[in-house]
């Protein structure tokens, strides 16, 4: 039971992909549907959340459903976000450029971002691996005709030793705190 269109927060959406529709909700089923509090359905192109258990199939009864929006889901997501800001206790820490993996020891778990700045004629690379040398992330700039800065995404690293290959004329990392 797919719903092909839905009104969400005042926007009418046409959803052509059946898998995407099923991720949102099923169309209300008066012939076979049973619902518990918290279930969602789509009826007349509106997303609803069940406020009363429905043990036997029945025609749609609006007193058992509340019109729902994705707004509260967004609010819930925002409340779970972590905001990172550069640490005030230290600045960016420099690292020695090396074309081979070097140990990078994390004393205190936290959020780290690596960078490599390079000038024309120098290759830039950042490669982070776990203690078994299995690559976790890599970025390379092999075009040596211009200067640029490359940076890793921000990683949460547990305390331990990692293998880091970082090449450039100026390399380092920034530790973020919450």
Protein backbone atom coordinates (compact mmCIF):
# COMPACT_ATOMS: atom_id res chain seq x y z
CA UNK A 1 0.00 0.00 0.00
CA UNK A 2 2.08 2.90 -1.31
CA UNK A 3 1.21 6.55 -1.04
CA UNK A 4 2.47 8.35 -4.12
CA UNK A 5 2.05 11.88 -2.88
CA UNK A 6 2.07 13.47 0.51
CA UNK A 7 1.70 16.91 2.02
CA UNK A 8 4.48 17.59 4.50
CA UNK A 9 4.74 20.86 6.39
CA UNK A 10 2.60 22.53 3.72
CA UNK A 11 4.64 21.19 0.80
CA UNK A 12 3.07 18.72 -1.62
CA UNK A 13 5.59 16.04 -2.53
CA UNK A 14 5.25 13.51 -5.31
CA UNK A 15 7.30 10.47 -4.45
CA UNK A 16 7.82 8.22 -7.46
CA UNK A 17 10.14 5.68 -5.86
CA UNK A 18 8.29 2.90 -4.01
CA UNK A 19 11.20 2.26 -1.61
CA UNK A 20 11.31 5.94 -0.68
CA UNK A 21 7.55 5.97 -0.11
CA UNK A 22 7.79 2.95 2.17
CA UNK A 23 10.48 4.69 4.22
CA UNK A 24 8.05 7.54 4.93
CA UNK A 25 4.87 5.62 5.68
CA UNK A 26 2.20 3.40 4.20
CA UNK A 27 -1.13 4.63 2.95
CA UNK A 28 -3.91 4.10 5.51
CA UNK A 29 -5.43 0.63 5.01
CA UNK A 30 -9.09 0.46 6.09
CA UNK A 31 -9.38 -3.20 5.04
CA UNK A 32 -6.33 -4.79 6.66
CA UNK A 33 -4.63 -2.17 8.84
CA UNK A 34 -4.12 -2.39 12.57
CA UNK A 35 -2.10 0.33 14.28
CA UNK A 36 -0.55 1.12 17.64
CA UNK A 37 0.15 4.49 19.20
CA UNK A 38 3.10 6.07 17.38
CA UNK A 39 2.52 4.35 14.03
CA UNK A 40 2.29 6.61 11.02
CA UNK A 41 0.13 6.50 7.93
CA UNK A 42 -0.78 8.67 4.99
CA UNK A 43 -4.44 9.49 4.38
CA UNK A 44 -5.70 11.98 1.80
CA UNK A 45 -2.09 12.98 1.14
CA UNK A 46 -1.49 13.96 4.79
CA UNK A 47 0.95 12.27 7.16
CA UNK A 48 -0.66 11.17 10.43
CA UNK A 49 0.59 9.67 13.69
CA UNK A 50 -1.65 7.26 15.62
CA UNK A 51 -2.80 8.42 19.07
CA UNK A 52 -5.06 5.43 19.90
CA UNK A 53 -4.47 1.72 19.27
CA UNK A 54 -6.58 0.36 16.40
CA UNK A 55 -6.95 -3.40 16.90
CA UNK A 56 -9.32 -4.14 14.02
CA UNK A 57 -9.38 -2.60 10.53
CA UNK A 58 -11.79 0.31 10.19
CA UNK A 59 -12.44 3.38 8.08
CA UNK A 60 -10.16 6.29 8.87
CA UNK A 61 -11.24 7.96 12.13
CA UNK A 62 -9.50 11.33 12.52
CA UNK A 63 -10.04 11.26 16.30
CA UNK A 64 -7.50 8.39 16.49
CA UNK A 65 -4.87 10.22 14.46
CA UNK A 66 -2.96 13.50 14.71
CA UNK A 67 -1.76 15.30 11.60
CA UNK A 68 1.99 14.97 11.70
CA UNK A 69 4.80 17.04 10.25
CA UNK A 70 8.45 16.32 9.88
CA UNK A 71 9.14 19.43 11.94
CA UNK A 72 9.30 17.56 15.25
CA UNK A 73 11.64 14.99 13.70
CA UNK A 74 13.95 17.84 12.66
CA UNK A 75 13.80 19.31 16.17
CA UNK A 76 14.65 15.91 17.63
CA UNK A 77 17.61 15.58 15.25
CA UNK A 78 18.87 19.07 16.12
CA UNK A 79 18.78 18.24 19.82
CA UNK A 80 21.10 15.29 19.15
CA UNK A 81 23.65 17.20 17.08
CA UNK A 82 27.11 17.86 18.42
CA UNK A 83 28.50 21.30 17.71
CA UNK A 84 32.25 21.38 17.30
CA UNK A 85 34.37 24.45 17.83
CA UNK A 86 38.15 24.77 17.66
CA UNK A 87 39.67 24.09 21.02
CA UNK A 88 40.67 27.18 22.94
CA UNK A 89 43.42 25.42 24.87
CA UNK A 90 45.66 24.77 21.86
CA UNK A 91 46.16 25.78 18.28
CA UNK A 92 46.68 23.69 15.22
CA UNK A 93 49.50 21.24 15.88
CA UNK A 94 52.14 20.81 13.19
CA UNK A 95 53.25 17.43 11.90
CA UNK A 96 56.29 16.37 9.92
CA UNK A 97 55.63 15.58 6.27
CA UNK A 98 56.37 11.96 5.44
CA UNK A 99 55.66 9.76 2.43
CA UNK A 100 55.56 6.69 4.68
CA UNK A 101 53.20 5.91 7.53
CA UNK A 102 54.16 7.31 10.91
CA UNK A 103 52.61 6.57 14.28
CA UNK A 104 50.00 9.09 15.37
CA UNK A 105 49.14 8.55 19.03
CA UNK A 106 45.86 9.84 20.40
CA UNK A 107 46.25 10.31 24.16
CA UNK A 108 42.70 11.49 24.70
CA UNK A 109 39.71 10.44 22.59
CA UNK A 110 38.23 13.31 20.67
CA UNK A 111 37.51 14.93 17.32
CA UNK A 112 40.45 15.46 14.97
CA UNK A 113 40.89 17.00 11.52
CA UNK A 114 44.09 16.69 9.50
CA UNK A 115 45.34 19.13 6.87
CA UNK A 116 48.12 19.35 4.34
CA UNK A 117 49.09 22.54 2.58
CA UNK A 118 51.38 22.23 -0.38
CA UNK A 119 53.03 24.49 -2.91
CA UNK A 120 53.47 23.99 -6.61
CA UNK A 121 55.67 20.97 -7.28
CA UNK A 122 54.75 19.10 -4.08
CA UNK A 123 52.15 16.35 -3.84
CA UNK A 124 49.61 16.55 -1.03
CA UNK A 125 48.28 13.47 0.70
CA UNK A 126 46.57 12.51 3.94
CA UNK A 127 46.03 8.84 4.73
CA UNK A 128 44.77 7.61 8.08
CA UNK A 129 44.91 3.91 8.97
CA UNK A 130 44.18 1.90 12.08
CA UNK A 131 46.87 0.09 14.07
CA UNK A 132 46.66 -2.85 11.62
CA UNK A 133 47.45 -0.48 8.72
CA UNK A 134 43.93 -0.85 7.29
CA UNK A 135 43.07 2.42 5.55
CA UNK A 136 40.30 4.38 7.25
CA UNK A 137 40.41 7.42 4.98
CA UNK A 138 42.60 8.89 2.22
CA UNK A 139 42.73 12.04 0.11
CA UNK A 140 45.39 12.93 -2.43
CA UNK A 141 46.14 15.86 -4.65
CA UNK A 142 48.51 14.57 -7.28
CA UNK A 143 48.32 17.68 -9.44
CA UNK A 144 51.55 19.40 -8.54
CA UNK A 145 50.96 22.41 -10.78
CA UNK A 146 49.31 24.58 -8.14
CA UNK A 147 49.29 25.26 -4.43
CA UNK A 148 46.34 24.09 -2.35
CA UNK A 149 45.21 22.84 1.02
CA UNK A 150 43.55 19.49 1.51
CA UNK A 151 41.79 18.45 4.69
CA UNK A 152 40.24 15.32 6.09
CA UNK A 153 36.72 15.18 7.44
CA UNK A 154 36.47 15.53 11.20
CA UNK A 155 37.04 12.12 12.80
CA UNK A 156 36.21 10.89 16.26
CA UNK A 157 39.31 8.95 17.28
CA UNK A 158 39.54 6.76 20.35
CA UNK A 159 42.72 6.80 22.38
CA UNK A 160 45.32 4.64 20.70
CA UNK A 161 47.92 4.61 17.96
CA UNK A 162 47.04 5.14 14.32
CA UNK A 163 49.15 5.13 11.16
CA UNK A 164 49.26 8.50 9.45
CA UNK A 165 50.80 9.36 6.11
CA UNK A 166 50.73 13.09 5.54
CA UNK A 167 52.63 14.92 2.81
CA UNK A 168 52.92 18.60 2.05
CA UNK A 169 54.95 21.68 2.75
CA UNK A 170 52.91 22.35 5.89
CA UNK A 171 50.99 19.59 7.68
CA UNK A 172 49.11 19.28 10.91
CA UNK A 173 45.91 18.57 12.73
CA UNK A 174 43.33 20.36 14.81
CA UNK A 175 41.71 18.83 17.87
CA UNK A 176 38.13 19.90 18.56
CA UNK A 177 36.42 19.92 21.92
CA UNK A 178 32.75 19.93 22.81
